[in-house]
Amino acid sequence: MNFTWGDTVMIRANAPPNLYPGAIASVCGIREVETQDQERRFGSPIGTQIYLIEFQDGTSIEISEKWLEHE
């Protein structure tokens, strides 16, 4: 599933609690997992899209595409 800058997304209900399951956010950055360290950090293989998402309160997190769905 691909997202683009400005998309509104929802974090999947089965995401880990630290990723705020059910929360709504906007995509404000996109990059790929490029190293083994990143692969471990995000639990996603090299080449997977990682999104910087921003919540309404202005806070943001980086999250693997596997935890996102279109709102």
Protein backbone atom coordinates (compact mmCIF):
# COMPACT_ATOMS: atom_id res chain seq x y z
CA MET A 1 0.00 0.00 0.00
CA ASN A 2 1.53 3.31 -1.01
CA PHE A 3 0.80 6.67 0.49
CA THR A 4 1.87 10.10 -0.65
CA TRP A 5 2.69 13.39 1.01
CA GLY A 6 -0.44 14.95 2.53
CA ASP A 7 -2.50 11.74 2.69
CA THR A 8 -4.62 11.26 5.76
CA VAL A 9 -3.89 7.89 7.31
CA MET A 10 -5.05 5.81 10.25
CA ILE A 11 -2.77 3.59 12.29
CA ARG A 12 -4.00 0.01 12.17
CA ALA A 13 -5.77 -1.31 15.27
CA ASN A 14 -3.26 -4.16 15.60
CA ALA A 15 -0.22 -1.84 15.71
CA PRO A 16 1.91 -1.87 18.88
CA PRO A 17 0.64 0.52 21.59
CA ASN A 18 3.63 2.87 21.20
CA LEU A 19 2.46 3.59 17.62
CA TYR A 20 -0.99 4.86 18.76
CA PRO A 21 -3.38 2.34 17.16
CA GLY A 22 -6.50 3.97 15.74
CA ALA A 23 -4.97 7.45 15.62
CA ILE A 24 -5.41 9.66 12.56
CA ALA A 25 -2.41 11.51 11.10
CA SER A 26 -1.07 13.11 7.91
CA VAL A 27 1.89 11.91 5.86
CA CYS A 28 4.62 14.55 5.84
CA GLY A 29 7.67 12.53 4.80
CA ILE A 30 8.59 9.33 2.98
CA ARG A 31 11.78 7.26 2.84
CA GLU A 32 12.86 3.65 2.51
CA VAL A 33 14.45 1.23 4.93
CA GLU A 34 18.05 1.16 3.69
CA THR A 35 20.13 -0.52 6.40
CA GLN A 36 19.96 -3.53 8.69
CA ASP A 37 19.74 -1.20 11.70
CA GLN A 38 16.65 0.44 10.21
CA GLU A 39 15.30 -3.00 9.32
CA ARG A 40 15.49 -3.99 13.00
CA ARG A 41 14.16 -0.64 14.25
CA PHE A 42 11.04 -0.72 12.09
CA GLY A 43 10.60 -4.50 11.87
CA SER A 44 10.40 -4.19 8.09
CA PRO A 45 12.73 -5.40 5.33
CA ILE A 46 15.09 -3.21 3.33
CA GLY A 47 13.15 -1.44 0.58
CA THR A 48 10.00 -0.99 2.69
CA GLN A 49 8.50 2.49 2.79
CA ILE A 50 8.73 4.37 6.08
CA TYR A 51 6.46 7.37 6.64
CA LEU A 52 6.87 10.38 8.84
CA ILE A 53 3.36 11.11 10.05
CA GLU A 54 2.13 14.11 12.00
CA PHE A 55 -0.76 14.11 14.45
CA GLN A 56 -3.18 17.00 15.00
CA ASP A 57 -1.26 18.12 18.10
CA GLY A 58 1.89 18.61 16.00
CA THR A 59 3.79 15.58 17.26
CA SER A 60 5.18 13.14 14.73
CA ILE A 61 6.57 9.63 14.45
CA GLU A 62 8.19 7.47 11.79
CA ILE A 63 6.22 4.33 11.06
CA SER A 64 6.40 1.39 8.66
CA GLU A 65 3.77 1.23 5.92
CA LYS A 66 2.57 -2.11 7.35
CA TRP A 67 0.92 -0.25 10.24
CA LEU A 68 -0.96 2.31 8.11
CA GLU A 69 -4.20 2.31 6.18
CA HIS A 70 -6.02 4.98 4.20
CA GLU A 71 -8.50 7.01 6.23
